Amino acid sequence: MFKHVDYLQFQAKPEKPDALFAAKMQELVGGQFGEMTVMMQYLWQGWSCRVPGKYKDMIMDIATEEIGHVEMLVTMMARLLEGAPNEATEKAAAANPLLAAVLGGMNFQHAIVTGGGAMPTNSQGVPWNAGYIVASGNLLADFRSNVSAEAQSRLQTSRIYNMTDDRGVKDMLQFNLARDTYHQQQWLLGIEQLIADGFTENGIENSNGEHEHPEANHTFYSFDPESTAGEGRWAQGPALNGKDEIVYVADAQPLTDDRPLGPAPDPKLFVTYDGSMGKGKPGTGAGAHAQGMANVVNKIKGALD
């Protein structure tokens, strides 16, 4: 259950309308790293969290706050679009350069589709996409994704902040910048808490770690003979897994004689082929389907055995 309070978390009062800036601000609403993305990302992570108590509560608290941030931006955009012209004569535009600039930069869907309101799209009118969100069920992996999302969101907010002189807009964006600063810290501190509570050893996602290739998990491979990457901390010193020293391999060479060639192609597919791997096996879509069914049957038999 969600409850709604009929007040914004922080004020969204521009000094004057600005349709051009409203078009830019759409990126902060429905862009890949906009508030809709972090709102939905955290909601899905919270709903899916299998750890009752402080972790689930923390995720749901920030998710709910992000709903309010979307509301703040949508309200700000409606006020920026107040009185925005949806038509003007060439004479009026020619007589008023400011009006011409607004007309030239306004997102016309703000007038045609929403009647002077915000849209769930980015600044180019591309609809928000659920594929933007990350909610894996693994809190460590999700928290790392959340740090990145907040950093990108803050960066874009910072860029937008420099595109206006409106004191009211800047006032709200200053609050948003501060929240994105804290939220980055919140997720990083959440990772520290996961380590302290024993959900992960060292902050590195290492599921099936016991099956890893034993050398490759602490080796930096360089593929440029003139690379200076070996000078960085990532190529030397103790690995973050707490067990190994990082190995630096300069001008790395293949670890196998396997070449990137597929099998001989089905002759019925008319693939250009030099015959070096022998004759391909004929097959059809029906044959592939039958093979797939056979694979399923074999898996079931294996499970029963």
Protein backbone atom coordinates (compact mmCIF):
# COMPACT_ATOMS: atom_id res chain seq x y z
CA MET A 1 0.00 0.00 0.00
CA PHE A 2 1.25 3.46 -0.81
CA LYS A 3 0.11 6.72 0.76
CA HIS A 4 0.28 10.10 -0.94
CA VAL A 5 0.78 13.41 0.85
CA ASP A 6 -0.57 16.39 -1.05
CA TYR A 7 2.68 18.36 -0.81
CA LEU A 8 5.92 18.12 -2.74
CA GLN A 9 9.04 16.93 -0.94
CA PHE A 10 10.72 20.18 -2.02
CA GLN A 11 9.32 23.22 -3.82
CA ALA A 12 9.23 23.39 -7.62
CA LYS A 13 8.58 27.07 -8.39
CA PRO A 14 10.24 28.59 -11.45
CA GLU A 15 10.52 32.37 -11.68
CA LYS A 16 8.96 32.36 -15.15
CA PRO A 17 7.80 29.92 -17.85
CA ASP A 18 10.46 28.51 -20.18
CA ALA A 19 9.24 26.00 -22.76
CA LEU A 20 12.72 25.45 -24.18
CA PHE A 21 14.12 24.48 -20.79
CA ALA A 22 11.13 22.20 -20.18
CA ALA A 23 12.11 20.32 -23.33
CA LYS A 24 15.62 19.82 -21.92
CA MET A 25 14.28 18.76 -18.53
CA GLN A 26 12.44 15.83 -20.10
CA GLU A 27 15.77 13.95 -19.97
CA LEU A 28 15.70 14.10 -16.17
CA VAL A 29 12.21 12.57 -16.19
CA GLY A 30 12.17 9.80 -18.78
CA GLY A 31 15.76 9.39 -19.94
CA GLN A 32 17.81 6.26 -19.39
CA PHE A 33 19.19 7.72 -16.17
CA GLY A 34 16.18 9.87 -15.31
CA GLU A 35 14.08 9.78 -12.18
CA MET A 36 11.58 7.34 -13.70
CA THR A 37 14.39 4.82 -14.09
CA VAL A 38 15.67 4.97 -10.52
CA MET A 39 12.09 5.05 -9.22
CA MET A 40 11.15 1.85 -11.05
CA GLN A 41 14.53 0.23 -10.43
CA TYR A 42 14.30 0.66 -6.67
CA LEU A 43 10.62 -0.31 -6.53
CA TRP A 44 11.34 -3.56 -8.35
CA GLN A 45 14.36 -4.27 -6.17
CA GLY A 46 12.33 -3.57 -3.05
CA TRP A 47 9.38 -5.70 -4.08
CA SER A 48 11.74 -8.56 -4.98
CA CYS A 49 13.95 -8.32 -1.88
CA ARG A 50 14.02 -11.61 0.08
CA VAL A 51 15.61 -10.06 3.19
CA PRO A 52 12.91 -8.63 5.48
CA GLY A 53 13.85 -5.83 7.81
CA LYS A 54 16.37 -3.05 7.28
CA TYR A 55 17.42 -3.93 3.71
CA LYS A 56 13.92 -4.16 2.27
CA ASP A 57 12.79 -1.13 4.27
CA MET A 58 15.75 0.95 3.09
CA ILE A 59 15.17 0.09 -0.56
CA MET A 60 11.45 0.86 -0.31
CA ASP A 61 12.12 4.17 1.46
CA ILE A 62 14.37 5.44 -1.32
CA ALA A 63 12.03 4.02 -3.99
CA THR A 64 9.13 5.95 -2.48
CA GLU A 65 11.23 9.11 -2.30
CA GLU A 66 12.00 8.74 -6.02
CA ILE A 67 8.26 8.70 -6.79
CA GLY A 68 8.18 12.11 -5.15
CA HIS A 69 11.12 13.29 -7.25
CA VAL A 70 9.25 12.40 -10.44
CA GLU A 71 6.29 14.38 -9.08
CA MET A 72 8.55 17.38 -8.40
CA LEU A 73 9.95 17.35 -11.94
CA VAL A 74 6.53 16.88 -13.56
CA THR A 75 5.16 19.80 -11.51
CA MET A 76 8.14 21.99 -12.40
CA MET A 77 7.71 21.21 -16.09
CA ALA A 78 4.00 22.03 -16.03
CA ARG A 79 4.87 25.41 -14.51
CA LEU A 80 7.66 25.99 -17.03
CA LEU A 81 5.14 25.29 -19.80
CA GLU A 82 2.50 27.65 -18.41
CA GLY A 83 1.32 29.94 -21.17
CA ALA A 84 3.71 28.36 -23.69
CA PRO A 85 2.58 29.34 -27.20
CA ASN A 86 1.18 26.61 -29.36
CA GLU A 87 0.90 28.83 -32.42
CA ALA A 88 2.31 32.17 -33.60
CA THR A 89 2.47 34.04 -36.85
CA GLU A 90 5.75 34.54 -38.70
CA LYS A 91 5.31 38.26 -38.14
CA ALA A 92 5.12 37.86 -34.36
CA ALA A 93 8.17 35.58 -34.31
CA ALA A 94 10.15 37.95 -36.50
CA ALA A 95 9.29 40.88 -34.23
CA ASN A 96 10.25 39.02 -31.04
CA PRO A 97 13.53 37.05 -31.13
CA LEU A 98 12.82 35.57 -27.70
CA LEU A 99 9.48 34.22 -28.90
CA ALA A 100 11.17 32.80 -31.97
CA ALA A 101 13.71 31.01 -29.79
CA VAL A 102 10.97 29.50 -27.65
CA LEU A 103 9.06 28.39 -30.71
CA GLY A 104 12.18 26.91 -32.21
CA GLY A 105 13.08 24.94 -29.10
CA MET A 106 9.74 23.89 -27.67
CA ASN A 107 8.82 20.22 -27.74
CA PHE A 108 5.54 20.46 -29.66
CA GLN A 109 4.18 17.34 -27.94
CA HIS A 110 4.01 19.40 -24.77
CA ALA A 111 1.30 21.42 -26.47
CA ILE A 112 -0.26 18.76 -28.74
CA VAL A 113 -0.19 15.60 -26.62
CA THR A 114 -0.16 16.64 -22.97
CA GLY A 115 -1.73 20.09 -23.07
CA GLY A 116 1.19 21.74 -21.33
CA GLY A 117 2.43 18.88 -19.17
CA ALA A 118 5.41 16.55 -18.91
CA MET A 119 5.67 13.21 -20.68
CA PRO A 120 7.24 9.84 -19.74
CA THR A 121 9.90 10.31 -22.42
CA ASN A 122 13.45 11.53 -22.77
CA SER A 123 14.41 14.91 -24.23
CA GLN A 124 14.12 13.54 -27.78
CA GLY A 125 10.61 12.18 -27.26
CA VAL A 126 11.71 8.53 -26.98
CA PRO A 127 9.35 6.75 -24.54
CA TRP A 128 10.74 5.54 -21.24
CA ASN A 129 11.82 1.90 -21.46
CA ALA A 130 11.52 -0.73 -18.73
CA GLY A 131 14.73 -2.22 -20.11
CA TYR A 132 16.59 0.64 -18.39
CA ILE A 133 16.07 -0.86 -14.93
CA VAL A 134 18.23 -3.43 -13.11
CA ALA A 135 16.64 -5.67 -10.48
CA SER A 136 18.51 -8.98 -10.28
CA GLY A 137 17.53 -10.10 -6.78
CA ASN A 138 21.22 -10.04 -5.78
CA LEU A 139 21.57 -7.06 -3.48
CA LEU A 140 25.30 -6.62 -4.02
CA ALA A 141 24.99 -6.52 -7.81
CA ASP A 142 21.92 -4.28 -7.58
CA PHE A 143 23.52 -1.83 -5.14
CA ARG A 144 26.50 -1.41 -7.48
CA SER A 145 24.13 -0.70 -10.34
CA ASN A 146 22.33 1.81 -8.12
CA VAL A 147 25.56 3.72 -7.41
CA SER A 148 26.11 4.04 -11.17
CA ALA A 149 22.50 5.11 -11.80
CA GLU A 150 22.70 7.83 -9.15
CA ALA A 151 26.05 9.06 -10.48
CA GLN A 152 24.74 9.31 -14.04
CA SER A 153 21.52 10.95 -12.85
CA ARG A 154 23.47 13.49 -10.82
CA LEU A 155 25.81 14.24 -13.72
CA GLN A 156 22.89 14.97 -16.05
CA THR A 157 21.16 17.08 -13.40
CA SER A 158 24.39 19.03 -12.99
CA ARG A 159 24.60 19.67 -16.72
CA ILE A 160 20.98 20.81 -16.84
CA TYR A 161 21.64 23.04 -13.81
CA ASN A 162 24.17 25.03 -15.86
CA MET A 163 21.66 25.60 -18.66
CA THR A 164 19.34 27.97 -16.77
CA ASP A 165 19.53 31.21 -14.81
CA ASP A 166 16.08 30.75 -13.29
CA ARG A 167 16.53 30.99 -9.52
CA GLY A 168 13.49 28.86 -8.77
CA VAL A 169 14.60 26.05 -11.08
CA LYS A 170 18.12 26.15 -9.67
CA ASP A 171 16.73 25.98 -6.14
CA MET A 172 14.95 22.69 -6.84
CA LEU A 173 17.88 21.24 -8.78
CA GLN A 174 20.22 22.06 -5.89
CA PHE A 175 18.05 19.84 -3.71
CA ASN A 176 18.08 17.09 -6.35
CA LEU A 177 21.87 17.29 -6.65
CA ALA A 178 22.19 16.90 -2.89
CA ARG A 179 19.90 13.87 -2.79
CA ASP A 180 21.83 12.18 -5.61
CA THR A 181 25.03 12.83 -3.67
CA TYR A 182 23.60 11.16 -0.58
CA HIS A 183 22.01 8.28 -2.50
CA GLN A 184 25.39 7.34 -3.99
CA GLN A 185 26.73 7.16 -0.43
CA GLN A 186 23.67 5.22 0.71
CA TRP A 187 24.24 2.40 -1.78
CA LEU A 188 27.99 2.29 -1.09
CA LEU A 189 27.27 2.10 2.63
CA GLY A 190 24.71 -0.59 1.85
CA ILE A 191 27.51 -2.66 0.30
CA GLU A 192 29.57 -2.18 3.46
CA GLN A 193 26.57 -3.40 5.47
CA LEU A 194 26.21 -6.47 3.25
CA ILE A 195 29.85 -7.32 3.99
CA ALA A 196 29.41 -6.71 7.73
CA ASP A 197 26.30 -8.90 7.81
CA GLY A 198 28.03 -11.74 5.97
CA PHE A 199 26.03 -11.63 2.74
CA THR A 200 29.26 -11.19 0.74
CA GLU A 201 32.93 -11.63 1.62
CA ASN A 202 34.51 -8.56 0.09
CA GLY A 203 32.04 -6.62 -2.03
CA ILE A 204 32.90 -8.53 -5.22
CA GLU A 205 30.07 -10.57 -6.76
CA ASN A 206 31.55 -14.08 -6.74
CA SER A 207 28.74 -16.60 -7.10
CA ASN A 208 30.24 -19.95 -8.21
CA GLY A 209 33.62 -18.49 -7.28
CA GLU A 210 34.96 -21.94 -6.40
CA HIS A 211 34.62 -22.88 -10.07
CA GLU A 212 36.53 -19.91 -11.47
CA HIS A 213 39.69 -20.34 -13.49
CA PRO A 214 42.24 -19.93 -10.66
CA GLU A 215 44.66 -17.62 -12.49
CA ALA A 216 42.26 -15.54 -14.54
CA ASN A 217 40.43 -14.09 -11.51
CA HIS A 218 43.40 -11.89 -10.51
CA THR A 219 45.19 -11.23 -13.83
CA PHE A 220 45.25 -8.05 -15.92
CA TYR A 221 45.78 -8.83 -19.62
CA SER A 222 47.17 -6.04 -21.79
CA PHE A 223 46.73 -6.35 -25.55
CA ASP A 224 48.84 -3.41 -26.67
CA PRO A 225 52.67 -3.75 -26.59
CA GLU A 226 52.93 -0.02 -25.83
CA SER A 227 50.17 0.07 -23.21
CA THR A 228 50.79 1.99 -19.98
CA ALA A 229 47.86 0.33 -18.20
CA GLY A 230 50.32 -1.60 -16.03
CA GLU A 231 51.09 1.61 -14.14
CA GLY A 232 47.63 1.65 -12.52
CA ARG A 233 46.59 0.15 -9.21
CA TRP A 234 44.27 -2.22 -11.10
CA ALA A 235 47.33 -4.00 -12.53
CA GLN A 236 49.44 -4.39 -9.40
CA GLY A 237 49.22 -4.97 -5.67
CA PRO A 238 46.79 -7.11 -3.70
CA ALA A 239 43.57 -8.20 -5.40
CA LEU A 240 40.33 -7.13 -3.73
CA ASN A 241 39.42 -10.76 -3.12
CA GLY A 242 41.84 -10.61 -0.18
CA LYS A 243 43.75 -13.71 -1.28
CA ASP A 244 45.87 -12.99 -4.36
CA GLU A 245 48.37 -10.54 -5.82
CA ILE A 246 47.34 -9.04 -9.16
CA VAL A 247 49.35 -10.40 -12.08
CA TYR A 248 50.12 -8.10 -15.02
CA VAL A 249 50.57 -9.75 -18.41
CA ALA A 250 52.04 -7.41 -21.03
CA ASP A 251 51.31 -8.02 -24.73
CA ALA A 252 48.99 -10.92 -23.89
CA GLN A 253 48.92 -13.89 -26.25
CA PRO A 254 46.13 -16.45 -26.92
CA LEU A 255 45.76 -19.11 -24.26
CA THR A 256 44.43 -21.65 -26.78
CA ASP A 257 44.87 -22.84 -30.36
CA ASP A 258 41.10 -22.68 -30.88
CA ARG A 259 40.20 -20.48 -33.84
CA PRO A 260 36.90 -18.57 -34.13
CA LEU A 261 35.26 -20.72 -36.80
CA GLY A 262 31.88 -22.37 -36.57
CA PRO A 263 31.15 -25.87 -37.84
CA ALA A 264 30.78 -26.70 -41.52
CA PRO A 265 27.49 -25.10 -42.60
CA ASP A 266 24.33 -26.81 -43.73
CA PRO A 267 24.61 -26.84 -47.56
CA LYS A 268 20.92 -25.91 -47.80
CA LEU A 269 21.70 -22.56 -46.17
CA PHE A 270 24.05 -21.57 -49.05
CA VAL A 271 26.71 -20.14 -46.76
CA THR A 272 29.96 -19.16 -48.49
CA TYR A 273 32.33 -21.94 -47.44
CA ASP A 274 35.74 -23.21 -48.57
CA GLY A 275 35.26 -26.86 -47.57
CA SER A 276 38.20 -26.86 -45.13
CA MET A 277 36.13 -28.37 -42.32
CA GLY A 278 34.54 -31.12 -44.34
CA LYS A 279 31.00 -31.50 -45.50
CA GLY A 280 28.25 -29.84 -43.53
CA LYS A 281 25.33 -31.77 -42.14
CA PRO A 282 22.03 -31.11 -43.94
CA GLY A 283 19.22 -30.00 -41.69
CA THR A 284 15.90 -28.15 -41.67
CA GLY A 285 13.95 -26.04 -39.22
CA ALA A 286 11.91 -29.12 -38.40
CA GLY A 287 15.10 -31.04 -37.72
CA ALA A 288 16.29 -28.32 -35.36
CA HIS A 289 12.95 -28.44 -33.54
CA ALA A 290 13.20 -32.21 -33.22
CA GLN A 291 16.73 -31.91 -31.86
CA GLY A 292 15.54 -29.36 -29.34
CA MET A 293 12.77 -31.66 -28.16
CA ALA A 294 15.27 -34.51 -27.87
CA ASN A 295 17.50 -32.32 -25.73
CA VAL A 296 14.58 -31.55 -23.40
CA VAL A 297 13.70 -35.25 -23.09
CA ASN A 298 17.31 -36.14 -22.34
CA LYS A 299 17.47 -33.47 -19.63
CA ILE A 300 14.33 -34.83 -18.00
CA LYS A 301 15.70 -38.39 -18.12
CA GLY A 302 18.96 -37.17 -16.62
CA ALA A 303 17.14 -35.42 -13.78
CA LEU A 304 15.09 -38.56 -13.03
CA ASP A 305 18.17 -40.75 -13.04
